[in-house]
Amino acid sequence: MKKSYKIEVDCANCARKMEEEANATPGVQEAVVNFMLLKMNVTFEEGADAKAVMRAVRDNCKRVEDDCEIYL
């Protein structure tokens, strides 16, 4: 399953950090952050609970960039 999320981030480097953290989160097959469009596209592993995975992604991203936001 693939979903797109609106994000809020201040710089391209921060967006890169968010992408790395999202890709390291269990349940995420692939995550791509587009800084210019302020979007994160996430492909979930089969059988993953998208809502639970995205809460974990948001928590992981906030650890590396506390002022970022992912609108679930």
Protein backbone atom coordinates (compact mmCIF):
# COMPACT_ATOMS: atom_id res chain seq x y z
CA MET A 1 0.00 0.00 0.00
CA LYS A 2 1.28 3.46 -0.88
CA LYS A 3 0.19 6.73 0.72
CA SER A 4 1.17 10.39 0.49
CA TYR A 5 1.45 12.71 3.50
CA LYS A 6 1.81 16.47 3.77
CA ILE A 7 4.88 17.45 5.77
CA GLU A 8 6.33 20.63 7.20
CA VAL A 9 10.11 20.96 7.23
CA ASP A 10 12.47 23.95 7.04
CA CYS A 11 15.37 22.81 4.86
CA ALA A 12 16.43 20.17 2.37
CA ASN A 13 18.93 18.66 4.81
CA CYS A 14 16.17 18.21 7.39
CA ALA A 15 14.01 16.56 4.72
CA ARG A 16 16.87 14.15 3.98
CA LYS A 17 17.09 13.26 7.69
CA MET A 18 13.33 12.65 7.77
CA GLU A 19 13.58 10.38 4.74
CA GLU A 20 16.40 8.37 6.34
CA GLU A 21 14.46 7.93 9.58
CA ALA A 22 11.27 6.96 7.75
CA ASN A 23 13.12 4.32 5.73
CA ALA A 24 14.64 2.89 8.93
CA THR A 25 11.21 2.45 10.55
CA PRO A 26 9.85 -1.11 10.67
CA GLY A 27 6.84 -1.51 8.39
CA VAL A 28 8.13 0.97 5.80
CA GLN A 29 9.20 -0.57 2.51
CA GLU A 30 10.20 2.78 0.99
CA ALA A 31 9.80 6.42 1.91
CA VAL A 32 10.58 9.37 -0.36
CA VAL A 33 10.49 12.96 0.84
CA ASN A 34 10.02 15.77 -1.67
CA PHE A 35 11.20 18.98 -0.02
CA MET A 36 9.91 21.24 -2.80
CA LEU A 37 6.37 19.82 -2.63
CA LEU A 38 6.48 19.25 1.16
CA LYS A 39 5.27 15.67 0.73
CA MET A 40 6.33 12.26 1.94
CA ASN A 41 5.34 9.24 -0.13
CA VAL A 42 5.42 6.01 1.84
CA THR A 43 5.11 2.44 0.59
CA PHE A 44 4.26 0.09 3.44
CA GLU A 45 5.32 -3.51 3.84
CA GLU A 46 2.56 -6.01 3.21
CA GLY A 47 0.34 -6.47 6.24
CA ALA A 48 1.65 -3.37 8.05
CA ASP A 49 -0.77 -1.14 9.96
CA ALA A 50 -0.24 2.17 8.13
CA LYS A 51 -1.52 4.34 10.99
CA ALA A 52 0.71 2.69 13.60
CA VAL A 53 3.72 2.75 11.29
CA MET A 54 3.22 6.45 10.53
CA ARG A 55 2.99 7.30 14.24
CA ALA A 56 6.38 5.58 14.63
CA VAL A 57 7.74 7.41 11.57
CA ARG A 58 6.63 10.75 13.04
CA ASP A 59 8.22 9.94 16.42
CA ASN A 60 11.49 8.89 14.73
CA CYS A 61 11.56 12.01 12.56
CA LYS A 62 10.94 14.28 15.55
CA ARG A 63 13.98 12.75 17.27
CA VAL A 64 16.30 13.99 14.52
CA GLU A 65 14.38 17.16 13.60
CA ASP A 66 12.10 18.28 16.41
CA ASP A 67 10.40 21.09 14.49
CA CYS A 68 9.28 18.91 11.56
CA GLU A 69 5.68 17.77 11.18
CA ILE A 70 3.93 14.96 9.32
CA TYR A 71 0.19 15.45 8.93
CA LEU A 72 -1.46 12.09 9.42
